[in-house]
């Protein structure tokens, strides 16, 4: 299962990503990101990421995406050092903070 996250300018919305982070492996991405319907209460935006298609969060949504990723990162606080899952959440959080500061969009591209 693969999931890519791209940071892109809002205008134009197409073109090459400014940066990319990838989660690749045999694990179900739903074990890393809260992609289940029962996670909607705590993660209303992240639970809507389509693991098989495209999902875009814009700069208006970014403060909420950052808050949800910070909450999710806290749930990985006890993960073993070097855990790819915890590392991926940290990378996504850094991307989201950069998007928030610089009015960029965060694109998720599922596999």
PDB file of N, CA and C in Angstrom:
ATOM      1  N   UNK A   1       0.851  -1.179   0.000  1.00  0.00           N
ATOM      2  CA  UNK A   1       0.000   0.000   0.000  1.00  0.00           C
ATOM      3  C   UNK A   1       0.886   1.228   0.000  1.00  0.00           C
ATOM      4  N   UNK A   2       0.590   2.156  -0.869  1.00  0.00           N
ATOM      5  CA  UNK A   2       1.348   3.402  -0.948  1.00  0.00           C
ATOM      6  C   UNK A   2       0.411   4.587  -0.804  1.00  0.00           C
ATOM      7  N   UNK A   3       0.921   5.635  -0.217  1.00  0.00           N
ATOM      8  CA  UNK A   3       0.218   6.898  -0.153  1.00  0.00           C
ATOM      9  C   UNK A   3       1.269   7.983  -0.256  1.00  0.00           C
ATOM     10  N   UNK A   4       1.050   8.917  -1.152  1.00  0.00           N
ATOM     11  CA  UNK A   4       1.968  10.026  -1.337  1.00  0.00           C
ATOM     12  C   UNK A   4       1.293  11.301  -0.885  1.00  0.00           C
ATOM     13  N   UNK A   5       2.062  12.206  -0.322  1.00  0.00           N
ATOM     14  CA  UNK A   5       1.565  13.529   0.038  1.00  0.00           C
ATOM     15  C   UNK A   5       2.457  14.541  -0.661  1.00  0.00           C
ATOM     16  N   UNK A   6       1.835  15.414  -1.432  1.00  0.00           N
ATOM     17  CA  UNK A   6       2.552  16.454  -2.164  1.00  0.00           C
ATOM     18  C   UNK A   6       2.183  17.818  -1.622  1.00  0.00           C
ATOM     19  N   UNK A   7       3.174  18.698  -1.533  1.00  0.00           N
ATOM     20  CA  UNK A   7       2.924  20.091  -1.238  1.00  0.00           C
ATOM     21  C   UNK A   7       2.967  20.826  -2.568  1.00  0.00           C
ATOM     22  N   UNK A   8       1.904  21.569  -2.869  1.00  0.00           N
ATOM     23  CA  UNK A   8       1.812  22.257  -4.152  1.00  0.00           C
ATOM     24  C   UNK A   8       1.309  23.679  -3.941  1.00  0.00           C
ATOM     25  N   UNK A   9       1.653  24.563  -4.878  1.00  0.00           N
ATOM     26  CA  UNK A   9       1.082  25.907  -4.806  1.00  0.00           C
ATOM     27  C   UNK A   9      -0.415  25.844  -5.091  1.00  0.00           C
ATOM     28  N   UNK A  10      -1.162  26.780  -4.521  1.00  0.00           N
ATOM     29  CA  UNK A  10      -2.603  26.811  -4.772  1.00  0.00           C
ATOM     30  C   UNK A  10      -2.916  27.245  -6.188  1.00  0.00           C
ATOM     31  N   UNK A  11      -2.041  28.084  -6.757  1.00  0.00           N
ATOM     32  CA  UNK A  11      -2.253  28.561  -8.130  1.00  0.00           C
ATOM     33  C   UNK A  11      -0.966  28.455  -8.898  1.00  0.00           C
ATOM     34  N   UNK A  12      -0.902  27.795  -9.996  1.00  0.00           N
ATOM     35  CA  UNK A  12      -1.937  26.901 -10.500  1.00  0.00           C
ATOM     36  C   UNK A  12      -1.936  25.604  -9.702  1.00  0.00           C
ATOM     37  N   UNK A  13      -3.081  24.945  -9.589  1.00  0.00           N
ATOM     38  CA  UNK A  13      -3.155  23.744  -8.759  1.00  0.00           C
ATOM     39  C   UNK A  13      -2.491  22.520  -9.373  1.00  0.00           C
ATOM     40  N   UNK A  14      -2.091  22.616 -10.623  1.00  0.00           N
ATOM     41  CA  UNK A  14      -1.450  21.467 -11.256  1.00  0.00           C
ATOM     42  C   UNK A  14       0.059  21.710 -11.302  1.00  0.00           C
ATOM     43  N   UNK A  15       0.754  20.847 -11.963  1.00  0.00           N
ATOM     44  CA  UNK A  15       2.190  21.003 -12.071  1.00  0.00           C
ATOM     45  C   UNK A  15       2.917  20.099 -11.106  1.00  0.00           C
ATOM     46  N   UNK A  16       4.193  20.282 -11.036  1.00  0.00           N
ATOM     47  CA  UNK A  16       5.040  19.438 -10.202  1.00  0.00           C
ATOM     48  C   UNK A  16       4.892  19.799  -8.733  1.00  0.00           C
ATOM     49  N   UNK A  17       4.984  18.798  -7.863  1.00  0.00           N
ATOM     50  CA  UNK A  17       4.936  19.093  -6.434  1.00  0.00           C
ATOM     51  C   UNK A  17       6.196  19.835  -6.001  1.00  0.00           C
ATOM     52  N   UNK A  18       6.049  20.675  -4.992  1.00  0.00           N
ATOM     53  CA  UNK A  18       7.199  21.359  -4.417  1.00  0.00           C
ATOM     54  C   UNK A  18       8.012  20.394  -3.564  1.00  0.00           C
ATOM     55  N   UNK A  19       7.318  19.493  -2.897  1.00  0.00           N
ATOM     56  CA  UNK A  19       7.931  18.465  -2.062  1.00  0.00           C
ATOM     57  C   UNK A  19       6.999  17.270  -2.014  1.00  0.00           C
ATOM     58  N   UNK A  20       7.568  16.109  -1.676  1.00  0.00           N
ATOM     59  CA  UNK A  20       6.752  14.895  -1.599  1.00  0.00           C
ATOM     60  C   UNK A  20       7.263  14.019  -0.462  1.00  0.00           C
ATOM     61  N   UNK A  21       6.330  13.404   0.232  1.00  0.00           N
ATOM     62  CA  UNK A  21       6.646  12.391   1.225  1.00  0.00           C
ATOM     63  C   UNK A  21       5.805  11.167   0.869  1.00  0.00           C
ATOM     64  N   UNK A  22       6.362   9.995   1.078  1.00  0.00           N
ATOM     65  CA  UNK A  22       5.664   8.771   0.689  1.00  0.00           C
ATOM     66  C   UNK A  22       5.624   7.780   1.832  1.00  0.00           C
ATOM     67  N   UNK A  23       4.509   7.072   1.923  1.00  0.00           N
ATOM     68  CA  UNK A  23       4.394   5.928   2.810  1.00  0.00           C
ATOM     69  C   UNK A  23       4.230   4.730   1.905  1.00  0.00           C
ATOM     70  N   UNK A  24       5.200   3.838   1.940  1.00  0.00           N
ATOM     71  CA  UNK A  24       5.144   2.642   1.116  1.00  0.00           C
ATOM     72  C   UNK A  24       5.434   1.438   1.985  1.00  0.00           C
ATOM     73  N   UNK A  25       4.668   0.424   1.792  1.00  0.00           N
ATOM     74  CA  UNK A  25       4.897  -0.778   2.567  1.00  0.00           C
ATOM     75  C   UNK A  25       3.726  -1.719   2.476  1.00  0.00           C
ATOM     76  N   UNK A  26       3.816  -2.788   3.233  1.00  0.00           N
ATOM     77  CA  UNK A  26       2.771  -3.795   3.231  1.00  0.00           C
ATOM     78  C   UNK A  26       1.656  -3.470   4.207  1.00  0.00           C
ATOM     79  N   UNK A  27       1.900  -2.536   5.122  1.00  0.00           N
ATOM     80  CA  UNK A  27       0.896  -2.196   6.124  1.00  0.00           C
ATOM     81  C   UNK A  27      -0.253  -1.426   5.473  1.00  0.00           C
ATOM     82  N   UNK A  28      -1.427  -1.579   6.034  1.00  0.00           N
ATOM     83  CA  UNK A  28      -2.598  -0.823   5.596  1.00  0.00           C
ATOM     84  C   UNK A  28      -2.444   0.597   6.110  1.00  0.00           C
ATOM     85  N   UNK A  29      -2.522   1.576   5.237  1.00  0.00           N
ATOM     86  CA  UNK A  29      -2.325   2.972   5.607  1.00  0.00           C
ATOM     87  C   UNK A  29      -3.338   3.409   6.667  1.00  0.00           C
ATOM     88  N   UNK A  30      -4.469   2.730   6.736  1.00  0.00           N
ATOM     89  CA  UNK A  30      -5.477   3.028   7.754  1.00  0.00           C
ATOM     90  C   UNK A  30      -5.013   2.725   9.161  1.00  0.00           C
ATOM     91  N   UNK A  31      -3.928   1.975   9.309  1.00  0.00           N
ATOM     92  CA  UNK A  31      -3.344   1.763  10.631  1.00  0.00           C
ATOM     93  C   UNK A  31      -2.484   2.946  11.047  1.00  0.00           C
ATOM     94  N   UNK A  32      -2.100   3.771  10.092  1.00  0.00           N
ATOM     95  CA  UNK A  32      -1.260   4.938  10.361  1.00  0.00           C
ATOM     96  C   UNK A  32      -2.109   6.203  10.426  1.00  0.00           C
ATOM     97  N   UNK A  33      -2.919   6.399   9.412  1.00  0.00           N
ATOM     98  CA  UNK A  33      -3.847   7.531   9.381  1.00  0.00           C
ATOM     99  C   UNK A  33      -5.244   7.028   9.753  1.00  0.00           C
ATOM    100  N   UNK A  34      -6.014   7.844  10.440  1.00  0.00           N
ATOM    101  CA  UNK A  34      -7.349   7.398  10.886  1.00  0.00           C
ATOM    102  C   UNK A  34      -8.365   7.443   9.747  1.00  0.00           C
ATOM    103  N   UNK A  35      -8.353   6.453   8.871  1.00  0.00           N
ATOM    104  CA  UNK A  35      -9.192   6.449   7.681  1.00  0.00           C
ATOM    105  C   UNK A  35     -10.509   5.715   7.872  1.00  0.00           C
ATOM    106  N   UNK A  36     -10.864   5.432   9.082  1.00  0.00           N
ATOM    107  CA  UNK A  36     -12.095   4.687   9.341  1.00  0.00           C
ATOM    108  C   UNK A  36     -13.248   5.654   9.637  1.00  0.00           C
ATOM    109  N   UNK A  37     -14.448   5.258   9.312  1.00  0.00           N
ATOM    110  CA  UNK A  37     -15.620   6.099   9.563  1.00  0.00           C
ATOM    111  C   UNK A  37     -15.786   6.366  11.059  1.00  0.00           C
ATOM    112  N   UNK A  38     -15.393   5.412  11.901  1.00  0.00           N
ATOM    113  CA  UNK A  38     -15.528   5.624  13.339  1.00  0.00           C
ATOM    114  C   UNK A  38     -14.508   6.630  13.874  1.00  0.00           C
ATOM    115  N   UNK A  39     -13.554   7.049  13.056  1.00  0.00           N
ATOM    116  CA  UNK A  39     -12.573   8.064  13.466  1.00  0.00           C
ATOM    117  C   UNK A  39     -13.051   9.475  13.151  1.00  0.00           C
ATOM    118  N   UNK A  40     -14.194   9.607  12.505  1.00  0.00           N
ATOM    119  CA  UNK A  40     -14.673  10.918  12.063  1.00  0.00           C
ATOM    120  C   UNK A  40     -14.825  11.904  13.217  1.00  0.00           C
ATOM    121  N   UNK A  41     -15.266  11.447  14.360  1.00  0.00           N
ATOM    122  CA  UNK A  41     -15.467  12.338  15.503  1.00  0.00           C
ATOM    123  C   UNK A  41     -14.189  13.039  15.949  1.00  0.00           C
ATOM    124  N   UNK A  42     -13.095  12.313  15.969  1.00  0.00           N
ATOM    125  CA  UNK A  42     -11.810  12.890  16.397  1.00  0.00           C
ATOM    126  C   UNK A  42     -11.006  13.460  15.239  1.00  0.00           C
ATOM    127  N   UNK A  43     -11.201  12.915  14.051  1.00  0.00           N
ATOM    128  CA  UNK A  43     -10.403  13.294  12.881  1.00  0.00           C
ATOM    129  C   UNK A  43     -11.314  13.551  11.679  1.00  0.00           C
ATOM    130  N   UNK A  44     -12.116  14.618  11.718  1.00  0.00           N
ATOM    131  CA  UNK A  44     -13.071  14.822  10.628  1.00  0.00           C
ATOM    132  C   UNK A  44     -12.437  15.023   9.256  1.00  0.00           C
ATOM    133  N   UNK A  45     -11.260  15.622   9.190  1.00  0.00           N
ATOM    134  CA  UNK A  45     -10.608  15.820   7.889  1.00  0.00           C
ATOM    135  C   UNK A  45      -9.764  14.614   7.494  1.00  0.00           C
ATOM    136  N   UNK A  46      -8.906  14.164   8.386  1.00  0.00           N
ATOM    137  CA  UNK A  46      -8.022  13.039   8.048  1.00  0.00           C
ATOM    138  C   UNK A  46      -8.797  11.768   7.736  1.00  0.00           C
ATOM    139  N   UNK A  47      -9.934  11.566   8.387  1.00  0.00           N
ATOM    140  CA  UNK A  47     -10.705  10.351   8.122  1.00  0.00           C
ATOM    141  C   UNK A  47     -11.304  10.359   6.717  1.00  0.00           C
ATOM    142  N   UNK A  48     -11.285  11.521   6.058  1.00  0.00           N
ATOM    143  CA  UNK A  48     -11.810  11.617   4.704  1.00  0.00           C
ATOM    144  C   UNK A  48     -10.781  11.418   3.613  1.00  0.00           C
ATOM    145  N   UNK A  49      -9.535  11.122   3.970  1.00  0.00           N
ATOM    146  CA  UNK A  49      -8.516  10.864   2.953  1.00  0.00           C
ATOM    147  C   UNK A  49      -8.860   9.576   2.215  1.00  0.00           C
ATOM    148  N   UNK A  50      -8.861   9.661   0.896  1.00  0.00           N
ATOM    149  CA  UNK A  50      -9.158   8.501   0.056  1.00  0.00           C
ATOM    150  C   UNK A  50      -7.859   7.731  -0.195  1.00  0.00           C
ATOM    151  N   UNK A  51      -7.710   6.536   0.362  1.00  0.00           N
ATOM    152  CA  UNK A  51      -6.455   5.791   0.191  1.00  0.00           C
ATOM    153  C   UNK A  51      -6.237   5.280  -1.229  1.00  0.00           C
ATOM    154  N   UNK A  52      -7.252   5.391  -2.079  1.00  0.00           N
ATOM    155  CA  UNK A  52      -7.144   4.890  -3.448  1.00  0.00           C
ATOM    156  C   UNK A  52      -7.239   5.991  -4.503  1.00  0.00           C
ATOM    157  N   UNK A  53      -7.471   7.213  -4.090  1.00  0.00           N
ATOM    158  CA  UNK A  53      -7.664   8.308  -5.035  1.00  0.00           C
ATOM    159  C   UNK A  53      -6.960   9.567  -4.571  1.00  0.00           C
ATOM    160  N   UNK A  54      -7.540  10.706  -4.901  1.00  0.00           N
ATOM    161  CA  UNK A  54      -6.954  12.001  -4.582  1.00  0.00           C
ATOM    162  C   UNK A  54      -7.767  12.693  -3.496  1.00  0.00           C
ATOM    163  N   UNK A  55      -7.051  13.353  -2.594  1.00  0.00           N
ATOM    164  CA  UNK A  55      -7.662  14.196  -1.570  1.00  0.00           C
ATOM    165  C   UNK A  55      -6.813  15.452  -1.481  1.00  0.00           C
ATOM    166  N   UNK A  56      -7.456  16.617  -1.417  1.00  0.00           N
ATOM    167  CA  UNK A  56      -6.737  17.885  -1.356  1.00  0.00           C
ATOM    168  C   UNK A  56      -7.236  18.684  -0.167  1.00  0.00           C
ATOM    169  N   UNK A  57      -6.294  19.214   0.614  1.00  0.00           N
ATOM    170  CA  UNK A  57      -6.607  20.145   1.691  1.00  0.00           C
ATOM    171  C   UNK A  57      -6.003  21.487   1.338  1.00  0.00           C
ATOM    172  N   UNK A  58      -6.808  22.543   1.424  1.00  0.00           N
ATOM    173  CA  UNK A  58      -6.329  23.876   1.069  1.00  0.00           C
ATOM    174  C   UNK A  58      -5.871  24.639   2.315  1.00  0.00           C
ATOM    175  N   UNK A  59      -5.402  25.862   2.125  1.00  0.00           N
ATOM    176  CA  UNK A  59      -4.830  26.630   3.230  1.00  0.00           C
ATOM    177  C   UNK A  59      -5.864  27.006   4.283  1.00  0.00           C
ATOM    178  N   UNK A  60      -7.132  27.101   3.920  1.00  0.00           N
ATOM    179  CA  UNK A  60      -8.175  27.397   4.899  1.00  0.00           C
ATOM    180  C   UNK A  60      -8.373  26.206   5.841  1.00  0.00           C
ATOM    181  N   UNK A  61      -8.243  25.003   5.330  1.00  0.00           N
ATOM    182  CA  UNK A  61      -8.406  23.788   6.133  1.00  0.00           C
ATOM    183  C   UNK A  61      -7.151  23.445   6.934  1.00  0.00           C
ATOM    184  N   UNK A  62      -6.018  24.021   6.551  1.00  0.00           N
ATOM    185  CA  UNK A  62      -4.739  23.584   7.099  1.00  0.00           C
ATOM    186  C   UNK A  62      -4.616  23.681   8.619  1.00  0.00           C
ATOM    187  N   UNK A  63      -5.113  24.737   9.300  1.00  0.00           N
ATOM    188  CA  UNK A  63      -5.007  24.738  10.764  1.00  0.00           C
ATOM    189  C   UNK A  63      -5.683  23.520  11.399  1.00  0.00           C
ATOM    190  N   UNK A  64      -6.773  23.056  10.803  1.00  0.00           N
ATOM    191  CA  UNK A  64      -7.484  21.892  11.327  1.00  0.00           C
ATOM    192  C   UNK A  64      -6.728  20.603  11.011  1.00  0.00           C
ATOM    193  N   UNK A  65      -6.125  20.542   9.832  1.00  0.00           N
ATOM    194  CA  UNK A  65      -5.294  19.386   9.468  1.00  0.00           C
ATOM    195  C   UNK A  65      -4.099  19.303  10.414  1.00  0.00           C
ATOM    196  N   UNK A  66      -3.468  20.445  10.694  1.00  0.00           N
ATOM    197  CA  UNK A  66      -2.326  20.481  11.621  1.00  0.00           C
ATOM    198  C   UNK A  66      -2.756  19.967  12.994  1.00  0.00           C
ATOM    199  N   UNK A  67      -3.883  20.448  13.500  1.00  0.00           N
ATOM    200  CA  UNK A  67      -4.361  20.013  14.820  1.00  0.00           C
ATOM    201  C   UNK A  67      -4.626  18.507  14.849  1.00  0.00           C
ATOM    202  N   UNK A  68      -5.215  17.979  13.786  1.00  0.00           N
ATOM    203  CA  UNK A  68      -5.492  16.541  13.740  1.00  0.00           C
ATOM    204  C   UNK A  68      -4.205  15.729  13.653  1.00  0.00           C
ATOM    205  N   UNK A  69      -3.230  16.203  12.885  1.00  0.00           N
ATOM    206  CA  UNK A  69      -1.945  15.488  12.803  1.00  0.00           C
ATOM    207  C   UNK A  69      -1.189  15.561  14.116  1.00  0.00           C
ATOM    208  N   UNK A  70      -1.275  16.678  14.818  1.00  0.00           N
ATOM    209  CA  UNK A  70      -0.638  16.771  16.138  1.00  0.00           C
ATOM    210  C   UNK A  70      -1.269  15.778  17.103  1.00  0.00           C
ATOM    211  N   UNK A  71      -2.587  15.667  17.060  1.00  0.00           N
ATOM    212  CA  UNK A  71      -3.289  14.699  17.902  1.00  0.00           C
ATOM    213  C   UNK A  71      -2.856  13.277  17.546  1.00  0.00           C
ATOM    214  N   UNK A  72      -2.775  12.989  16.249  1.00  0.00           N
ATOM    215  CA  UNK A  72      -2.380  11.648  15.808  1.00  0.00           C
ATOM    216  C   UNK A  72      -0.929  11.356  16.192  1.00  0.00           C
ATOM    217  N   UNK A  73      -0.063  12.360  16.072  1.00  0.00           N
ATOM    218  CA  UNK A  73       1.339  12.176  16.450  1.00  0.00           C
ATOM    219  C   UNK A  73       1.451  11.803  17.933  1.00  0.00           C
ATOM    220  N   UNK A  74       0.616  12.405  18.756  1.00  0.00           N
ATOM    221  CA  UNK A  74       0.603  12.072  20.177  1.00  0.00           C
ATOM    222  C   UNK A  74       0.261  10.615  20.434  1.00  0.00           C
ATOM    223  N   UNK A  75      -0.549  10.039  19.574  1.00  0.00           N
ATOM    224  CA  UNK A  75      -0.916   8.629  19.714  1.00  0.00           C
ATOM    225  C   UNK A  75       0.244   7.698  19.358  1.00  0.00           C
ATOM    226  N   UNK A  76       1.260   8.230  18.683  1.00  0.00           N
ATOM    227  CA  UNK A  76       2.440   7.446  18.330  1.00  0.00           C
ATOM    228  C   UNK A  76       3.611   7.736  19.270  1.00  0.00           C
ATOM    229  N   UNK A  77       3.354   8.440  20.363  1.00  0.00           N
ATOM    230  CA  UNK A  77       4.420   8.847  21.283  1.00  0.00           C
ATOM    231  C   UNK A  77       5.196   7.649  21.843  1.00  0.00           C
ATOM    232  N   UNK A  78       4.527   6.528  21.999  1.00  0.00           N
ATOM    233  CA  UNK A  78       5.179   5.337  22.556  1.00  0.00           C
ATOM    234  C   UNK A  78       5.717   4.393  21.488  1.00  0.00           C
ATOM    235  N   UNK A  79       5.688   4.809  20.235  1.00  0.00           N
ATOM    236  CA  UNK A  79       6.190   3.956  19.151  1.00  0.00           C
ATOM    237  C   UNK A  79       7.699   3.791  19.282  1.00  0.00           C
ATOM    238  N   UNK A  80       8.223   2.650  18.888  1.00  0.00           N
ATOM    239  CA  UNK A  80       9.671   2.450  18.958  1.00  0.00           C
ATOM    240  C   UNK A  80      10.410   3.477  18.103  1.00  0.00           C
ATOM    241  N   UNK A  81      11.591   3.848  18.548  1.00  0.00           N
ATOM    242  CA  UNK A  81      12.391   4.803  17.778  1.00  0.00           C
ATOM    243  C   UNK A  81      12.641   4.246  16.381  1.00  0.00           C
ATOM    244  N   UNK A  82      12.509   5.112  15.399  1.00  0.00           N
ATOM    245  CA  UNK A  82      12.698   4.683  14.014  1.00  0.00           C
ATOM    246  C   UNK A  82      11.454   4.091  13.390  1.00  0.00           C
ATOM    247  N   UNK A  83      10.331   4.140  14.109  1.00  0.00           N
ATOM    248  CA  UNK A  83       9.076   3.614  13.569  1.00  0.00           C
ATOM    249  C   UNK A  83       8.692   4.395  12.314  1.00  0.00           C
ATOM    250  N   UNK A  84       8.511   3.697  11.207  1.00  0.00           N
ATOM    251  CA  UNK A  84       8.158   4.356   9.950  1.00  0.00           C
ATOM    252  C   UNK A  84       6.801   5.041  10.062  1.00  0.00           C
ATOM    253  N   UNK A  85       5.880   4.444  10.809  1.00  0.00           N
ATOM    254  CA  UNK A  85       4.559   5.037  10.975  1.00  0.00           C
ATOM    255  C   UNK A  85       4.656   6.398  11.671  1.00  0.00           C
ATOM    256  N   UNK A  86       5.364   6.451  12.789  1.00  0.00           N
ATOM    257  CA  UNK A  86       5.531   7.703  13.535  1.00  0.00           C
ATOM    258  C   UNK A  86       6.305   8.719  12.706  1.00  0.00           C
ATOM    259  N   UNK A  87       7.292   8.244  11.976  1.00  0.00           N
ATOM    260  CA  UNK A  87       8.092   9.116  11.107  1.00  0.00           C
ATOM    261  C   UNK A  87       7.219   9.743  10.016  1.00  0.00           C
ATOM    262  N   UNK A  88       6.344   8.946   9.421  1.00  0.00           N
ATOM    263  CA  UNK A  88       5.462   9.432   8.360  1.00  0.00           C
ATOM    264  C   UNK A  88       4.513  10.509   8.897  1.00  0.00           C
ATOM    265  N   UNK A  89       3.945  10.283  10.079  1.00  0.00           N
ATOM    266  CA  UNK A  89       3.059  11.284  10.680  1.00  0.00           C
ATOM    267  C   UNK A  89       3.839  12.573  10.937  1.00  0.00           C
ATOM    268  N   UNK A  90       5.064  12.465  11.420  1.00  0.00           N
ATOM    269  CA  UNK A  90       5.895  13.644  11.644  1.00  0.00           C
ATOM    270  C   UNK A  90       6.191  14.402  10.355  1.00  0.00           C
ATOM    271  N   UNK A  91       6.454  13.664   9.283  1.00  0.00           N
ATOM    272  CA  UNK A  91       6.713  14.295   7.986  1.00  0.00           C
ATOM    273  C   UNK A  91       5.462  14.994   7.467  1.00  0.00           C
ATOM    274  N   UNK A  92       4.308  14.356   7.612  1.00  0.00           N
ATOM    275  CA  UNK A  92       3.056  14.984   7.189  1.00  0.00           C
ATOM    276  C   UNK A  92       2.775  16.244   7.988  1.00  0.00           C
ATOM    277  N   UNK A  93       3.050  16.187   9.287  1.00  0.00           N
ATOM    278  CA  UNK A  93       2.836  17.356  10.143  1.00  0.00           C
ATOM    279  C   UNK A  93       3.731  18.512   9.708  1.00  0.00           C
ATOM    280  N   UNK A  94       4.980  18.227   9.388  1.00  0.00           N
ATOM    281  CA  UNK A  94       5.890  19.271   8.902  1.00  0.00           C
ATOM    282  C   UNK A  94       5.370  19.863   7.588  1.00  0.00           C
ATOM    283  N   UNK A  95       4.888  19.013   6.695  1.00  0.00           N
ATOM    284  CA  UNK A  95       4.301  19.486   5.432  1.00  0.00           C
ATOM    285  C   UNK A  95       3.105  20.395   5.704  1.00  0.00           C
ATOM    286  N   UNK A  96       2.205  19.950   6.578  1.00  0.00           N
ATOM    287  CA  UNK A  96       0.989  20.715   6.863  1.00  0.00           C
ATOM    288  C   UNK A  96       1.330  22.070   7.470  1.00  0.00           C
ATOM    289  N   UNK A  97       2.303  22.106   8.351  1.00  0.00           N
ATOM    290  CA  UNK A  97       2.710  23.393   8.947  1.00  0.00           C
ATOM    291  C   UNK A  97       3.295  24.319   7.880  1.00  0.00           C
ATOM    292  N   UNK A  98       4.080  23.757   6.973  1.00  0.00           N
ATOM    293  CA  UNK A  98       4.640  24.553   5.870  1.00  0.00           C
ATOM    294  C   UNK A  98       3.518  25.077   4.968  1.00  0.00           C
ATOM    295  N   UNK A  99       2.554  24.237   4.669  1.00  0.00           N
ATOM    296  CA  UNK A  99       1.409  24.662   3.861  1.00  0.00           C
ATOM    297  C   UNK A  99       0.632  25.774   4.554  1.00  0.00           C
ATOM    298  N   UNK A 100       0.473  25.646   5.853  1.00  0.00           N
ATOM    299  CA  UNK A 100      -0.266  26.650   6.615  1.00  0.00           C
ATOM    300  C   UNK A 100       0.455  28.000   6.585  1.00  0.00           C
ATOM    301  N   UNK A 101       1.766  27.973   6.750  1.00  0.00           N
ATOM    302  CA  UNK A 101       2.555  29.220   6.758  1.00  0.00           C
ATOM    303  C   UNK A 101       2.611  29.895   5.399  1.00  0.00           C
ATOM    304  N   UNK A 102       2.652  29.097   4.341  1.00  0.00           N
ATOM    305  CA  UNK A 102       2.918  29.643   3.006  1.00  0.00           C
ATOM    306  C   UNK A 102       1.770  29.489   2.019  1.00  0.00           C
ATOM    307  N   UNK A 103       0.571  29.259   2.532  1.00  0.00           N
ATOM    308  CA  UNK A 103      -0.621  29.173   1.673  1.00  0.00           C
ATOM    309  C   UNK A 103      -0.451  28.179   0.529  1.00  0.00           C
ATOM    310  N   UNK A 104      -0.052  26.972   0.880  1.00  0.00           N
ATOM    311  CA  UNK A 104       0.086  25.885  -0.078  1.00  0.00           C
ATOM    312  C   UNK A 104      -1.022  24.871   0.149  1.00  0.00           C
ATOM    313  N   UNK A 105      -1.198  23.980  -0.790  1.00  0.00           N
ATOM    314  CA  UNK A 105      -2.181  22.904  -0.675  1.00  0.00           C
ATOM    315  C   UNK A 105      -1.458  21.584  -0.408  1.00  0.00           C
ATOM    316  N   UNK A 106      -2.125  20.707   0.320  1.00  0.00           N
ATOM    317  CA  UNK A 106      -1.578  19.389   0.619  1.00  0.00           C
ATOM    318  C   UNK A 106      -2.423  18.362  -0.135  1.00  0.00           C
ATOM    319  N   UNK A 107      -1.783  17.694  -1.096  1.00  0.00           N
ATOM    320  CA  UNK A 107      -2.445  16.695  -1.935  1.00  0.00           C
ATOM    321  C   UNK A 107      -2.064  15.315  -1.449  1.00  0.00           C
ATOM    322  N   UNK A 108      -3.054  14.447  -1.248  1.00  0.00           N
ATOM    323  CA  UNK A 108      -2.806  13.043  -0.947  1.00  0.00           C
ATOM    324  C   UNK A 108      -3.171  12.243  -2.184  1.00  0.00           C
ATOM    325  N   UNK A 109      -2.286  11.362  -2.579  1.00  0.00           N
ATOM    326  CA  UNK A 109      -2.484  10.544  -3.774  1.00  0.00           C
ATOM    327  C   UNK A 109      -2.397   9.085  -3.352  1.00  0.00           C
ATOM    328  N   UNK A 110      -3.527   8.410  -3.394  1.00  0.00           N
ATOM    329  CA  UNK A 110      -3.590   7.019  -2.971  1.00  0.00           C
ATOM    330  C   UNK A 110      -3.167   6.068  -4.072  1.00  0.00           C
ATOM    331  N   UNK A 111      -3.019   4.826  -3.676  1.00  0.00           N
ATOM    332  CA  UNK A 111      -2.544   3.805  -4.602  1.00  0.00           C
ATOM    333  C   UNK A 111      -3.639   2.789  -4.849  1.00  0.00           C
TER     334      UNK A 111
END
